[in-house]
């Protein structure tokens, strides 16, 4: 990491950015984590809460199919 002066401000600049390699299972697991957190915040009686709760089993099945 180097320090650069941009418009009078000193900032840390990352010299090399390494791209991440995401697989389909990593993507689905991230979506599942997001939906579970969202589900805990939403009321299950609302339409949005019900839709989120319906997607969680679908994602779990898709993760199981990809991991086999």
Protein backbone atom coordinates (compact mmCIF):
# COMPACT_ATOMS: atom_id res chain seq x y z
CA UNK A 1 0.00 0.00 0.00
CA UNK A 2 1.32 3.45 -0.86
CA UNK A 3 0.30 6.92 0.25
CA UNK A 4 -0.76 9.37 -2.47
CA UNK A 5 -1.75 13.01 -2.35
CA UNK A 6 -5.04 13.55 -4.18
CA UNK A 7 -6.43 17.10 -4.17
CA UNK A 8 -4.54 17.93 -0.99
CA UNK A 9 -5.64 14.82 0.89
CA UNK A 10 -3.33 11.95 1.71
CA UNK A 11 -4.92 8.62 0.95
CA UNK A 12 -3.80 5.02 1.07
CA UNK A 13 -3.80 3.48 -2.37
CA UNK A 14 -3.81 -0.25 -2.96
CA UNK A 15 -1.14 -1.10 -5.51
CA UNK A 16 -2.50 -4.45 -6.63
CA UNK A 17 -6.12 -5.52 -6.45
CA UNK A 18 -6.60 -9.26 -6.59
CA UNK A 19 -9.93 -10.23 -8.16
CA UNK A 20 -12.02 -12.76 -6.29
CA UNK A 21 -13.19 -15.93 -7.95
CA UNK A 22 -16.80 -16.63 -7.03
CA UNK A 23 -18.43 -19.93 -7.76
CA UNK A 24 -22.14 -20.52 -8.12
CA UNK A 25 -22.34 -22.02 -4.63
CA UNK A 26 -20.56 -18.99 -3.11
CA UNK A 27 -23.02 -16.68 -4.82
CA UNK A 28 -26.03 -18.70 -3.62
CA UNK A 29 -24.68 -18.90 -0.07
CA UNK A 30 -24.28 -15.11 0.00
CA UNK A 31 -27.84 -14.71 -1.23
CA UNK A 32 -29.06 -17.16 1.43
CA UNK A 33 -27.29 -15.24 4.20
CA UNK A 34 -28.83 -11.99 2.94
CA UNK A 35 -32.34 -13.45 2.74
CA UNK A 36 -32.12 -14.99 6.22
CA UNK A 37 -31.09 -11.63 7.69
CA UNK A 38 -33.83 -9.89 5.74
CA UNK A 39 -36.36 -12.48 6.87
CA UNK A 40 -35.58 -11.77 10.50
CA UNK A 41 -36.24 -8.07 9.91
CA UNK A 42 -39.49 -8.45 7.94
CA UNK A 43 -42.88 -9.43 9.28
CA UNK A 44 -43.84 -12.81 7.83
CA UNK A 45 -47.47 -11.67 7.55
CA UNK A 46 -46.61 -9.10 4.89
CA UNK A 47 -46.31 -9.94 1.21
CA UNK A 48 -42.59 -9.08 1.14
CA UNK A 49 -41.91 -11.24 4.18
CA UNK A 50 -43.80 -14.17 2.69
CA UNK A 51 -41.92 -13.87 -0.61
CA UNK A 52 -38.56 -13.82 1.18
CA UNK A 53 -39.53 -16.84 3.28
CA UNK A 54 -40.52 -18.74 0.12
CA UNK A 55 -37.15 -18.12 -1.51
CA UNK A 56 -35.06 -19.49 1.37
CA UNK A 57 -35.96 -23.20 0.80
CA UNK A 58 -35.42 -22.74 -2.95
CA UNK A 59 -31.91 -21.44 -2.36
CA UNK A 60 -31.14 -24.22 0.12
CA UNK A 61 -32.21 -26.81 -2.46
CA UNK A 62 -30.13 -25.16 -5.18
CA UNK A 63 -27.05 -25.15 -2.92
CA UNK A 64 -27.56 -28.84 -2.15
CA UNK A 65 -27.88 -29.69 -5.85
CA UNK A 66 -24.69 -27.81 -6.73
CA UNK A 67 -22.67 -29.30 -3.88
CA UNK A 68 -23.41 -32.92 -4.94
